[in-house]
Amino acid sequence: MTLPRHIESVFAHLVWADERALLSLETSHGQPVRALALFNHVLGAEAEWLARLEQRPCDVAIWPSFDLAQCRAIAARNREQYAAYMSLLSPADLDRQVRYRNSRGAEFESRIEDILIHVALHGAYHRGQVALLIRDAGAEPNATDYIAFARGAPAATRVGQPVG
């Protein structure tokens, strides 16, 4: 059974956007340290949330310190593991509650759908920060906006400045 289109779309975007952000980091000469740290966090959070969904320990820190090759490997692993997890979900499963502890040890319970949407939005937020830091360092980051993904074309730009 397939999941609702919005869930499938935001995760297809997540995979696309992670790849584009990684390419931006790989091609920005002397990428900003903070940009790499933020992208590491995107990948670490993706791994952590999947571990919470699957009710297992996570083997990746929330703020890991990966080099670009390790980022590429973790991004591929996250992509494969989310695809496997989501292939087992039915639309009814999205309403199921998952109990977990956050990084400070506080216990929560959230719907699977809310967690999946959070993962997608959290990554979008931080990939925007990565793009800003890359631009501030003098390089041009790849667009990772959802609309660029959906229509297959980058967002409009002003002279020298992307607009969204």
C-alpha atoms as a PDB file:
ATOM      1  CA  MET A   1       0.000   0.000   0.000  1.00  0.00           C
ATOM      2  CA  THR A   2       1.322   3.458  -0.812  1.00  0.00           C
ATOM      3  CA  LEU A   3       1.629   6.369   1.561  1.00  0.00           C
ATOM      4  CA  PRO A   4      -0.114   9.700   1.000  1.00  0.00           C
ATOM      5  CA  ARG A   5       1.440  11.732  -1.788  1.00  0.00           C
ATOM      6  CA  HIS A   6       2.627  14.523   0.526  1.00  0.00           C
ATOM      7  CA  ILE A   7       4.717  12.107   2.594  1.00  0.00           C
ATOM      8  CA  GLU A   8       6.235  10.491  -0.485  1.00  0.00           C
ATOM      9  CA  SER A   9       6.918  13.934  -2.008  1.00  0.00           C
ATOM     10  CA  VAL A  10       8.652  15.450   1.003  1.00  0.00           C
ATOM     11  CA  PHE A  11      10.899  12.401   1.311  1.00  0.00           C
ATOM     12  CA  ALA A  12      11.738  12.400  -2.390  1.00  0.00           C
ATOM     13  CA  HIS A  13      12.610  16.072  -1.906  1.00  0.00           C
ATOM     14  CA  LEU A  14      14.715  15.276   1.185  1.00  0.00           C
ATOM     15  CA  VAL A  15      16.822  12.794  -0.820  1.00  0.00           C
ATOM     16  CA  TRP A  16      17.189  15.241  -3.726  1.00  0.00           C
ATOM     17  CA  ALA A  17      17.993  18.196  -1.475  1.00  0.00           C
ATOM     18  CA  ASP A  18      20.521  16.279   0.660  1.00  0.00           C
ATOM     19  CA  GLU A  19      22.354  15.305  -2.540  1.00  0.00           C
ATOM     20  CA  ARG A  20      22.347  18.883  -3.831  1.00  0.00           C
ATOM     21  CA  ALA A  21      23.555  20.280  -0.502  1.00  0.00           C
ATOM     22  CA  LEU A  22      26.315  17.689  -0.407  1.00  0.00           C
ATOM     23  CA  LEU A  23      27.355  18.603  -3.957  1.00  0.00           C
ATOM     24  CA  SER A  24      27.453  22.266  -2.912  1.00  0.00           C
ATOM     25  CA  LEU A  25      29.756  21.399  -0.032  1.00  0.00           C
ATOM     26  CA  GLU A  26      31.954  19.218  -2.250  1.00  0.00           C
ATOM     27  CA  THR A  27      32.355  21.908  -4.909  1.00  0.00           C
ATOM     28  CA  SER A  28      32.752  24.955  -2.654  1.00  0.00           C
ATOM     29  CA  HIS A  29      36.481  25.232  -2.285  1.00  0.00           C
ATOM     30  CA  GLY A  30      37.340  25.354   1.396  1.00  0.00           C
ATOM     31  CA  GLN A  31      33.709  24.961   2.428  1.00  0.00           C
ATOM     32  CA  PRO A  32      32.816  26.821   5.607  1.00  0.00           C
ATOM     33  CA  VAL A  33      33.340  24.636   8.672  1.00  0.00           C
ATOM     34  CA  ARG A  34      29.959  25.684  10.083  1.00  0.00           C
ATOM     35  CA  ALA A  35      28.186  24.688   6.846  1.00  0.00           C
ATOM     36  CA  LEU A  36      29.667  21.190   7.049  1.00  0.00           C
ATOM     37  CA  ALA A  37      28.738  20.981  10.745  1.00  0.00           C
ATOM     38  CA  LEU A  38      25.125  21.918   9.968  1.00  0.00           C
ATOM     39  CA  PHE A  39      24.905  19.363   7.175  1.00  0.00           C
ATOM     40  CA  ASN A  40      26.346  16.774   9.559  1.00  0.00           C
ATOM     41  CA  HIS A  41      23.507  17.658  11.920  1.00  0.00           C
ATOM     42  CA  VAL A  42      20.919  17.177   9.165  1.00  0.00           C
ATOM     43  CA  LEU A  43      22.237  13.670   8.559  1.00  0.00           C
ATOM     44  CA  GLY A  44      22.603  12.862  12.256  1.00  0.00           C
ATOM     45  CA  ALA A  45      19.048  13.993  12.976  1.00  0.00           C
ATOM     46  CA  GLU A  46      17.697  11.954  10.062  1.00  0.00           C
ATOM     47  CA  ALA A  47      19.429   8.866  11.494  1.00  0.00           C
ATOM     48  CA  GLU A  48      18.275   9.583  15.054  1.00  0.00           C
ATOM     49  CA  TRP A  49      14.631  10.058  14.090  1.00  0.00           C
ATOM     50  CA  LEU A  50      14.624   6.833  12.104  1.00  0.00           C
ATOM     51  CA  ALA A  51      16.069   4.991  15.101  1.00  0.00           C
ATOM     52  CA  ARG A  52      13.286   6.463  17.244  1.00  0.00           C
ATOM     53  CA  LEU A  53      10.671   5.365  14.720  1.00  0.00           C
ATOM     54  CA  GLU A  54      12.136   1.869  14.687  1.00  0.00           C
ATOM     55  CA  GLN A  55      12.509   1.843  18.491  1.00  0.00           C
ATOM     56  CA  ARG A  56      16.213   1.035  18.420  1.00  0.00           C
ATOM     57  CA  PRO A  57      19.425   2.751  19.529  1.00  0.00           C
ATOM     58  CA  CYS A  58      21.028   5.109  17.053  1.00  0.00           C
ATOM     59  CA  ASP A  59      24.664   4.656  16.031  1.00  0.00           C
ATOM     60  CA  VAL A  60      25.025   8.255  14.776  1.00  0.00           C
ATOM     61  CA  ALA A  61      25.296  11.331  17.002  1.00  0.00           C
ATOM     62  CA  ILE A  62      22.840  14.200  16.607  1.00  0.00           C
ATOM     63  CA  TRP A  63      25.845  16.451  15.883  1.00  0.00           C
ATOM     64  CA  PRO A  64      28.385  14.083  14.266  1.00  0.00           C
ATOM     65  CA  SER A  65      31.722  15.190  12.831  1.00  0.00           C
ATOM     66  CA  PHE A  66      31.867  13.547   9.410  1.00  0.00           C
ATOM     67  CA  ASP A  67      34.070  14.502   6.505  1.00  0.00           C
ATOM     68  CA  LEU A  68      32.447  14.791   3.080  1.00  0.00           C
ATOM     69  CA  ALA A  69      33.023  11.131   2.165  1.00  0.00           C
ATOM     70  CA  GLN A  70      31.405  10.021   5.426  1.00  0.00           C
ATOM     71  CA  CYS A  71      28.511  12.437   4.796  1.00  0.00           C
ATOM     72  CA  ARG A  72      27.959  10.832   1.409  1.00  0.00           C
ATOM     73  CA  ALA A  73      27.934   7.355   2.976  1.00  0.00           C
ATOM     74  CA  ILE A  74      25.537   8.333   5.797  1.00  0.00           C
ATOM     75  CA  ALA A  75      23.233  10.163   3.376  1.00  0.00           C
ATOM     76  CA  ALA A  76      23.049   7.000   1.236  1.00  0.00           C
ATOM     77  CA  ARG A  77      22.412   4.846   4.296  1.00  0.00           C
ATOM     78  CA  ASN A  78      19.693   7.205   5.573  1.00  0.00           C
ATOM     79  CA  ARG A  79      18.053   7.194   2.129  1.00  0.00           C
ATOM     80  CA  GLU A  80      18.037   3.392   1.944  1.00  0.00           C
ATOM     81  CA  GLN A  81      16.856   2.899   5.517  1.00  0.00           C
ATOM     82  CA  TYR A  82      14.019   5.428   5.249  1.00  0.00           C
ATOM     83  CA  ALA A  83      12.899   3.851   1.976  1.00  0.00           C
ATOM     84  CA  ALA A  84      12.855   0.409   3.614  1.00  0.00           C
ATOM     85  CA  TYR A  85      11.014   1.707   6.695  1.00  0.00           C
ATOM     86  CA  MET A  86       8.439   3.651   4.716  1.00  0.00           C
ATOM     87  CA  SER A  87       7.810   0.728   2.349  1.00  0.00           C
ATOM     88  CA  LEU A  88       6.420  -1.197   5.328  1.00  0.00           C
ATOM     89  CA  LEU A  89       4.031   1.575   6.428  1.00  0.00           C
ATOM     90  CA  SER A  90       0.379   1.741   5.529  1.00  0.00           C
ATOM     91  CA  PRO A  91      -1.543   5.022   5.542  1.00  0.00           C
ATOM     92  CA  ALA A  92      -3.169   3.911   8.824  1.00  0.00           C
ATOM     93  CA  ASP A  93       0.285   3.491  10.414  1.00  0.00           C
ATOM     94  CA  LEU A  94       0.884   7.234  10.085  1.00  0.00           C
ATOM     95  CA  ASP A  95      -1.507   7.855  12.998  1.00  0.00           C
ATOM     96  CA  ARG A  96       0.310   5.416  15.265  1.00  0.00           C
ATOM     97  CA  GLN A  97       2.100   6.959  18.254  1.00  0.00           C
ATOM     98  CA  VAL A  98       5.799   6.367  18.856  1.00  0.00           C
ATOM     99  CA  ARG A  99       7.332   6.840  22.309  1.00  0.00           C
ATOM    100  CA  TYR A 100      10.929   8.123  22.418  1.00  0.00           C
ATOM    101  CA  ARG A 101      13.380  10.196  24.418  1.00  0.00           C
ATOM    102  CA  ASN A 102      14.851  13.365  22.981  1.00  0.00           C
ATOM    103  CA  SER A 103      18.545  14.240  23.137  1.00  0.00           C
ATOM    104  CA  ARG A 104      18.053  15.732  26.623  1.00  0.00           C
ATOM    105  CA  GLY A 105      16.377  12.575  27.904  1.00  0.00           C
ATOM    106  CA  ALA A 106      12.812  13.910  28.058  1.00  0.00           C
ATOM    107  CA  GLU A 107      10.174  11.378  27.031  1.00  0.00           C
ATOM    108  CA  PHE A 108       7.641  12.163  24.319  1.00  0.00           C
ATOM    109  CA  GLU A 109       5.063  10.449  22.182  1.00  0.00           C
ATOM    110  CA  SER A 110       4.396  11.591  18.603  1.00  0.00           C
ATOM    111  CA  ARG A 111       2.504  10.364  15.568  1.00  0.00           C
ATOM    112  CA  ILE A 112       4.611   8.739  12.851  1.00  0.00           C
ATOM    113  CA  GLU A 113       3.310  11.238  10.294  1.00  0.00           C
ATOM    114  CA  ASP A 114       4.334  14.182  12.485  1.00  0.00           C
ATOM    115  CA  ILE A 115       7.825  12.737  12.924  1.00  0.00           C
ATOM    116  CA  LEU A 116       8.245  12.183   9.189  1.00  0.00           C
ATOM    117  CA  ILE A 117       7.112  15.722   8.398  1.00  0.00           C
ATOM    118  CA  HIS A 118       9.438  17.074  11.093  1.00  0.00           C
ATOM    119  CA  VAL A 119      12.417  15.221   9.585  1.00  0.00           C
ATOM    120  CA  ALA A 120      11.704  16.734   6.178  1.00  0.00           C
ATOM    121  CA  LEU A 121      11.173  20.279   7.499  1.00  0.00           C
ATOM    122  CA  HIS A 122      14.147  20.139   9.875  1.00  0.00           C
ATOM    123  CA  GLY A 123      16.438  19.249   6.985  1.00  0.00           C
ATOM    124  CA  ALA A 124      15.030  22.010   4.794  1.00  0.00           C
ATOM    125  CA  TYR A 125      15.658  24.570   7.540  1.00  0.00           C
ATOM    126  CA  HIS A 126      19.289  23.598   8.020  1.00  0.00           C
ATOM    127  CA  ARG A 127      20.035  23.121   4.310  1.00  0.00           C
ATOM    128  CA  GLY A 128      18.995  26.768   3.907  1.00  0.00           C
ATOM    129  CA  GLN A 129      21.559  27.719   6.525  1.00  0.00           C
ATOM    130  CA  VAL A 130      24.179  25.636   4.718  1.00  0.00           C
ATOM    131  CA  ALA A 131      23.401  27.476   1.466  1.00  0.00           C
ATOM    132  CA  LEU A 132      23.701  30.866   3.163  1.00  0.00           C
ATOM    133  CA  LEU A 133      27.086  29.993   4.665  1.00  0.00           C
ATOM    134  CA  ILE A 134      28.365  28.695   1.322  1.00  0.00           C
ATOM    135  CA  ARG A 135      27.173  31.880  -0.404  1.00  0.00           C
ATOM    136  CA  ASP A 136      28.762  34.048   2.317  1.00  0.00           C
ATOM    137  CA  ALA A 137      32.045  32.226   1.647  1.00  0.00           C
ATOM    138  CA  GLY A 138      31.877  33.300  -2.009  1.00  0.00           C
ATOM    139  CA  ALA A 139      30.542  30.139  -3.661  1.00  0.00           C
ATOM    140  CA  GLU A 140      27.160  29.519  -5.279  1.00  0.00           C
ATOM    141  CA  PRO A 141      25.165  26.729  -3.593  1.00  0.00           C
ATOM    142  CA  ASN A 142      22.743  24.491  -5.439  1.00  0.00           C
ATOM    143  CA  ALA A 143      19.093  25.340  -4.956  1.00  0.00           C
ATOM    144  CA  THR A 144      17.360  22.943  -2.558  1.00  0.00           C
ATOM    145  CA  ASP A 145      13.927  24.613  -2.395  1.00  0.00           C
ATOM    146  CA  TYR A 146      10.960  22.275  -2.621  1.00  0.00           C
ATOM    147  CA  ILE A 147       9.487  24.179  -5.561  1.00  0.00           C
ATOM    148  CA  ALA A 148      12.736  23.786  -7.518  1.00  0.00           C
ATOM    149  CA  PHE A 149      12.466  20.041  -6.902  1.00  0.00           C
ATOM    150  CA  ALA A 150       8.755  19.891  -7.768  1.00  0.00           C
ATOM    151  CA  ARG A 151       8.994  21.789 -11.036  1.00  0.00           C
ATOM    152  CA  GLY A 152      12.468  20.575 -11.977  1.00  0.00           C
ATOM    153  CA  ALA A 153      13.829  24.103 -12.369  1.00  0.00           C
ATOM    154  CA  PRO A 154      15.598  26.458  -9.965  1.00  0.00           C
ATOM    155  CA  ALA A 155      13.776  29.317  -8.310  1.00  0.00           C
ATOM    156  CA  ALA A 156      13.900  32.808  -9.840  1.00  0.00           C
ATOM    157  CA  THR A 157      16.820  35.006  -8.961  1.00  0.00           C
ATOM    158  CA  ARG A 158      17.562  38.661  -8.697  1.00  0.00           C
ATOM    159  CA  VAL A 159      20.863  39.827 -10.100  1.00  0.00           C
ATOM    160  CA  GLY A 160      23.380  37.997  -7.978  1.00  0.00           C
ATOM    161  CA  GLN A 161      20.840  36.922  -5.353  1.00  0.00           C
ATOM    162  CA  PRO A 162      18.481  33.944  -5.331  1.00  0.00           C
ATOM    163  CA  VAL A 163      14.941  34.699  -4.337  1.00  0.00           C
ATOM    164  CA  GLY A 164      13.036  31.444  -3.456  1.00  0.00           C
END
